[in-house]
Amino acid sequence: MQTTIEISKEYLHFAAAHFTIFSPTERENLHGHNFQVALDATAEIQSDGLTFDYNILKNALKEICDSLDELVLMPELSPHINIDSDDSYTYILFADERIPFLPRDLKLLPVRNISVEELAHYLLQQLTAHPDILRQDIKTLVLKCASGAGQWASATWPSKESS
């Protein structure tokens, strides 16, 4: 018998700045969100009445959220930006703009855009790369990311595309 555990803790969040890129010449102004993260994990109920130790999931998610907290997030894979740096700054080159950031304030992510859609997949990828996660007998994971109330995106593991 299977069940789904929903993990939706108040501490599973991160505050980050970004701008969405719409085209080679259009982007949003730099702004921030308090991103919320939630997870559904489906597994078999074991003979002891438990599925698995889902503290492992909570701890891994908290660690991932903490790694993004209070940073400016930028997409490394966007075809519309270039990234340059010198001894003091990392520069995001967009259209005719050269936007400087202190390296300590900036996190480059291997995504095409900083959107809840891309963040959901990135976060799930980070979670499933955690060494303790895939040791659990989990059938599916659905990770959800929100940039505000009522605006969620989700990613599923195993991916339907890979099956």
C-alpha atoms as a PDB file:
ATOM      1  CA  MET A   1       0.000   0.000   0.000  1.00  0.00           C
ATOM      2  CA  GLN A   2       1.362   3.429  -0.990  1.00  0.00           C
ATOM      3  CA  THR A   3       0.893   6.803   0.610  1.00  0.00           C
ATOM      4  CA  THR A   4       2.018  10.340  -0.137  1.00  0.00           C
ATOM      5  CA  ILE A   5       3.735  12.411   2.512  1.00  0.00           C
ATOM      6  CA  GLU A   6       3.399  16.162   2.011  1.00  0.00           C
ATOM      7  CA  ILE A   7       6.240  18.268   3.403  1.00  0.00           C
ATOM      8  CA  SER A   8       5.256  21.915   3.584  1.00  0.00           C
ATOM      9  CA  LYS A   9       7.157  23.561   6.423  1.00  0.00           C
ATOM     10  CA  GLU A  10       7.330  27.295   7.070  1.00  0.00           C
ATOM     11  CA  TYR A  11      11.144  27.126   7.165  1.00  0.00           C
ATOM     12  CA  LEU A  12      11.338  25.710   3.619  1.00  0.00           C
ATOM     13  CA  HIS A  13      11.796  29.055   1.918  1.00  0.00           C
ATOM     14  CA  PHE A  14      14.444  31.403   0.603  1.00  0.00           C
ATOM     15  CA  ALA A  15      14.503  35.115  -0.128  1.00  0.00           C
ATOM     16  CA  ALA A  16      16.214  35.891  -3.418  1.00  0.00           C
ATOM     17  CA  ALA A  17      16.457  38.633  -6.009  1.00  0.00           C
ATOM     18  CA  HIS A  18      16.256  38.057  -9.755  1.00  0.00           C
ATOM     19  CA  PHE A  19      14.886  39.385 -12.998  1.00  0.00           C
ATOM     20  CA  THR A  20      13.026  37.363 -15.592  1.00  0.00           C
ATOM     21  CA  ILE A  21      14.420  37.644 -19.109  1.00  0.00           C
ATOM     22  CA  PHE A  22      11.798  37.830 -21.872  1.00  0.00           C
ATOM     23  CA  SER A  23      13.910  38.414 -24.990  1.00  0.00           C
ATOM     24  CA  PRO A  24      17.364  39.647 -26.022  1.00  0.00           C
ATOM     25  CA  THR A  25      16.272  43.202 -25.141  1.00  0.00           C
ATOM     26  CA  GLU A  26      13.482  42.850 -22.544  1.00  0.00           C
ATOM     27  CA  ARG A  27      13.762  41.958 -18.891  1.00  0.00           C
ATOM     28  CA  GLU A  28      12.102  42.759 -15.610  1.00  0.00           C
ATOM     29  CA  ASN A  29      13.699  45.128 -13.149  1.00  0.00           C
ATOM     30  CA  LEU A  30      15.706  43.460 -10.418  1.00  0.00           C
ATOM     31  CA  HIS A  31      13.319  42.516  -7.611  1.00  0.00           C
ATOM     32  CA  GLY A  32      12.910  39.875  -4.933  1.00  0.00           C
ATOM     33  CA  HIS A  33      10.582  37.136  -3.751  1.00  0.00           C
ATOM     34  CA  ASN A  34      10.154  35.030  -0.674  1.00  0.00           C
ATOM     35  CA  PHE A  35      10.141  31.689  -2.477  1.00  0.00           C
ATOM     36  CA  GLN A  36       8.341  28.818  -0.734  1.00  0.00           C
ATOM     37  CA  VAL A  37       9.182  25.146  -1.319  1.00  0.00           C
ATOM     38  CA  ALA A  38       7.003  22.087  -0.704  1.00  0.00           C
ATOM     39  CA  LEU A  39       7.390  18.418  -1.538  1.00  0.00           C
ATOM     40  CA  ASP A  40       5.145  15.378  -2.003  1.00  0.00           C
ATOM     41  CA  ALA A  41       6.885  12.022  -1.597  1.00  0.00           C
ATOM     42  CA  THR A  42       5.094   8.786  -2.462  1.00  0.00           C
ATOM     43  CA  ALA A  43       6.302   5.485  -1.040  1.00  0.00           C
ATOM     44  CA  GLU A  44       5.121   2.124   0.227  1.00  0.00           C
ATOM     45  CA  ILE A  45       3.969   1.907   3.824  1.00  0.00           C
ATOM     46  CA  GLN A  46       6.319  -0.560   5.537  1.00  0.00           C
ATOM     47  CA  SER A  47       5.354  -3.253   8.040  1.00  0.00           C
ATOM     48  CA  ASP A  48       6.031  -0.822  10.913  1.00  0.00           C
ATOM     49  CA  GLY A  49       3.388   1.585   9.554  1.00  0.00           C
ATOM     50  CA  LEU A  50       5.958   4.102   8.283  1.00  0.00           C
ATOM     51  CA  THR A  51       7.114   4.908   4.774  1.00  0.00           C
ATOM     52  CA  PHE A  52      10.677   6.121   5.451  1.00  0.00           C
ATOM     53  CA  ASP A  53      12.440   8.692   7.596  1.00  0.00           C
ATOM     54  CA  TYR A  54      11.200  11.872   5.953  1.00  0.00           C
ATOM     55  CA  ASN A  55      13.373  13.983   8.227  1.00  0.00           C
ATOM     56  CA  ILE A  56      16.016  13.193   5.611  1.00  0.00           C
ATOM     57  CA  LEU A  57      13.908  15.047   3.022  1.00  0.00           C
ATOM     58  CA  LYS A  58      13.179  17.975   5.353  1.00  0.00           C
ATOM     59  CA  ASN A  59      16.840  18.405   6.252  1.00  0.00           C
ATOM     60  CA  ALA A  60      18.008  18.194   2.635  1.00  0.00           C
ATOM     61  CA  LEU A  61      15.376  20.695   1.484  1.00  0.00           C
ATOM     62  CA  LYS A  62      16.337  23.113   4.263  1.00  0.00           C
ATOM     63  CA  GLU A  63      19.993  22.844   3.250  1.00  0.00           C
ATOM     64  CA  ILE A  64      19.115  23.592  -0.397  1.00  0.00           C
ATOM     65  CA  CYS A  65      16.895  26.559   0.550  1.00  0.00           C
ATOM     66  CA  ASP A  66      19.631  27.950   2.791  1.00  0.00           C
ATOM     67  CA  SER A  67      22.107  27.784  -0.112  1.00  0.00           C
ATOM     68  CA  LEU A  68      19.886  30.208  -2.104  1.00  0.00           C
ATOM     69  CA  ASP A  69      18.813  32.521   0.702  1.00  0.00           C
ATOM     70  CA  GLU A  70      19.629  36.241   0.523  1.00  0.00           C
ATOM     71  CA  LEU A  71      21.298  36.041  -2.877  1.00  0.00           C
ATOM     72  CA  VAL A  72      20.780  37.397  -6.355  1.00  0.00           C
ATOM     73  CA  LEU A  73      20.028  34.441  -8.660  1.00  0.00           C
ATOM     74  CA  MET A  74      21.078  34.551 -12.302  1.00  0.00           C
ATOM     75  CA  PRO A  75      20.676  31.956 -15.073  1.00  0.00           C
ATOM     76  CA  GLU A  76      23.949  30.619 -16.491  1.00  0.00           C
ATOM     77  CA  LEU A  77      22.182  28.994 -19.447  1.00  0.00           C
ATOM     78  CA  SER A  78      20.237  31.992 -20.730  1.00  0.00           C
ATOM     79  CA  PRO A  79      21.010  32.686 -24.383  1.00  0.00           C
ATOM     80  CA  HIS A  80      20.420  36.392 -23.671  1.00  0.00           C
ATOM     81  CA  ILE A  81      23.102  37.099 -21.080  1.00  0.00           C
ATOM     82  CA  ASN A  82      26.842  36.799 -20.825  1.00  0.00           C
ATOM     83  CA  ILE A  83      28.831  36.657 -17.640  1.00  0.00           C
ATOM     84  CA  ASP A  84      32.130  38.428 -17.061  1.00  0.00           C
ATOM     85  CA  SER A  85      34.192  39.142 -13.980  1.00  0.00           C
ATOM     86  CA  ASP A  86      37.225  40.982 -12.695  1.00  0.00           C
ATOM     87  CA  ASP A  87      38.969  41.039  -9.333  1.00  0.00           C
ATOM     88  CA  SER A  88      36.040  42.822  -7.649  1.00  0.00           C
ATOM     89  CA  TYR A  89      32.788  42.086  -9.474  1.00  0.00           C
ATOM     90  CA  THR A  90      30.845  39.604 -11.525  1.00  0.00           C
ATOM     91  CA  TYR A  91      29.033  41.321 -14.382  1.00  0.00           C
ATOM     92  CA  ILE A  92      25.807  40.242 -16.005  1.00  0.00           C
ATOM     93  CA  LEU A  93      25.873  41.503 -19.593  1.00  0.00           C
ATOM     94  CA  PHE A  94      22.378  41.939 -20.973  1.00  0.00           C
ATOM     95  CA  ALA A  95      21.593  43.920 -24.134  1.00  0.00           C
ATOM     96  CA  ASP A  96      23.542  47.168 -23.609  1.00  0.00           C
ATOM     97  CA  GLU A  97      23.700  46.777 -19.814  1.00  0.00           C
ATOM     98  CA  ARG A  98      26.702  45.754 -17.721  1.00  0.00           C
ATOM     99  CA  ILE A  99      25.241  44.949 -14.302  1.00  0.00           C
ATOM    100  CA  PRO A 100      27.827  44.541 -11.506  1.00  0.00           C
ATOM    101  CA  PHE A 101      27.411  42.224  -8.517  1.00  0.00           C
ATOM    102  CA  LEU A 102      29.721  41.343  -5.678  1.00  0.00           C
ATOM    103  CA  PRO A 103      30.513  37.631  -6.070  1.00  0.00           C
ATOM    104  CA  ARG A 104      29.361  36.959  -2.487  1.00  0.00           C
ATOM    105  CA  ASP A 105      25.875  38.276  -3.351  1.00  0.00           C
ATOM    106  CA  LEU A 106      25.423  36.369  -6.618  1.00  0.00           C
ATOM    107  CA  LYS A 107      24.593  32.737  -7.334  1.00  0.00           C
ATOM    108  CA  LEU A 108      24.702  31.497 -10.910  1.00  0.00           C
ATOM    109  CA  LEU A 109      22.306  28.614 -11.492  1.00  0.00           C
ATOM    110  CA  PRO A 110      22.430  26.116 -14.390  1.00  0.00           C
ATOM    111  CA  VAL A 111      19.004  27.185 -15.710  1.00  0.00           C
ATOM    112  CA  ARG A 112      17.707  29.241 -18.662  1.00  0.00           C
ATOM    113  CA  ASN A 113      15.746  31.758 -16.607  1.00  0.00           C
ATOM    114  CA  ILE A 114      15.032  32.430 -12.962  1.00  0.00           C
ATOM    115  CA  SER A 115      11.382  31.428 -12.886  1.00  0.00           C
ATOM    116  CA  VAL A 116       9.387  29.154 -10.597  1.00  0.00           C
ATOM    117  CA  GLU A 117       9.271  26.640 -13.462  1.00  0.00           C
ATOM    118  CA  GLU A 118      13.050  26.458 -13.730  1.00  0.00           C
ATOM    119  CA  LEU A 119      13.574  26.697  -9.958  1.00  0.00           C
ATOM    120  CA  ALA A 120      11.271  23.730  -9.316  1.00  0.00           C
ATOM    121  CA  HIS A 121      13.373  21.562 -11.625  1.00  0.00           C
ATOM    122  CA  TYR A 122      16.653  22.905 -10.245  1.00  0.00           C
ATOM    123  CA  LEU A 123      15.578  22.278  -6.643  1.00  0.00           C
ATOM    124  CA  LEU A 124      14.405  18.753  -7.468  1.00  0.00           C
ATOM    125  CA  GLN A 125      17.689  18.027  -9.220  1.00  0.00           C
ATOM    126  CA  GLN A 126      19.589  19.237  -6.149  1.00  0.00           C
ATOM    127  CA  LEU A 127      17.392  17.138  -3.878  1.00  0.00           C
ATOM    128  CA  THR A 128      17.790  13.927  -5.877  1.00  0.00           C
ATOM    129  CA  ALA A 129      21.563  14.477  -6.022  1.00  0.00           C
ATOM    130  CA  HIS A 130      21.676  14.392  -2.221  1.00  0.00           C
ATOM    131  CA  PRO A 131      23.325  11.078  -1.224  1.00  0.00           C
ATOM    132  CA  ASP A 132      20.721  10.072   1.366  1.00  0.00           C
ATOM    133  CA  ILE A 133      17.599  10.696  -0.720  1.00  0.00           C
ATOM    134  CA  LEU A 134      17.739   7.984  -3.358  1.00  0.00           C
ATOM    135  CA  ARG A 135      18.684   5.398  -0.718  1.00  0.00           C
ATOM    136  CA  GLN A 136      15.080   5.677   0.456  1.00  0.00           C
ATOM    137  CA  ASP A 137      12.427   3.550  -1.215  1.00  0.00           C
ATOM    138  CA  ILE A 138      10.602   6.546  -2.713  1.00  0.00           C
ATOM    139  CA  LYS A 139       8.442   5.963  -5.783  1.00  0.00           C
ATOM    140  CA  THR A 140       7.849   9.594  -6.784  1.00  0.00           C
ATOM    141  CA  LEU A 141       8.789  13.084  -5.662  1.00  0.00           C
ATOM    142  CA  VAL A 142       6.874  16.190  -6.676  1.00  0.00           C
ATOM    143  CA  LEU A 143       8.690  19.369  -5.720  1.00  0.00           C
ATOM    144  CA  LYS A 144       6.751  22.629  -5.766  1.00  0.00           C
ATOM    145  CA  CYS A 145       8.159  26.146  -5.762  1.00  0.00           C
ATOM    146  CA  ALA A 146       6.154  29.361  -5.307  1.00  0.00           C
ATOM    147  CA  SER A 147       7.144  32.982  -5.757  1.00  0.00           C
ATOM    148  CA  GLY A 148       4.022  34.147  -3.956  1.00  0.00           C
ATOM    149  CA  ALA A 149       0.651  32.964  -2.735  1.00  0.00           C
ATOM    150  CA  GLY A 150      -1.180  30.988  -5.411  1.00  0.00           C
ATOM    151  CA  GLN A 151       1.685  30.898  -7.930  1.00  0.00           C
ATOM    152  CA  TRP A 152       3.310  27.440  -7.850  1.00  0.00           C
ATOM    153  CA  ALA A 153       5.279  25.385 -10.345  1.00  0.00           C
ATOM    154  CA  SER A 154       6.187  21.734  -9.877  1.00  0.00           C
ATOM    155  CA  ALA A 155       8.692  19.164 -11.098  1.00  0.00           C
ATOM    156  CA  THR A 156       8.352  15.386 -10.790  1.00  0.00           C
ATOM    157  CA  TRP A 157      10.879  12.604 -10.196  1.00  0.00           C
ATOM    158  CA  PRO A 158      11.163  10.218 -11.813  1.00  0.00           C
ATOM    159  CA  SER A 159      10.535  12.428 -14.785  1.00  0.00           C
ATOM    160  CA  LYS A 160       7.780  11.231 -17.113  1.00  0.00           C
ATOM    161  CA  GLU A 161      10.143  12.203 -19.950  1.00  0.00           C
ATOM    162  CA  SER A 162      12.712   9.645 -18.776  1.00  0.00           C
ATOM    163  CA  SER A 163      10.274   6.738 -18.503  1.00  0.00           C
END
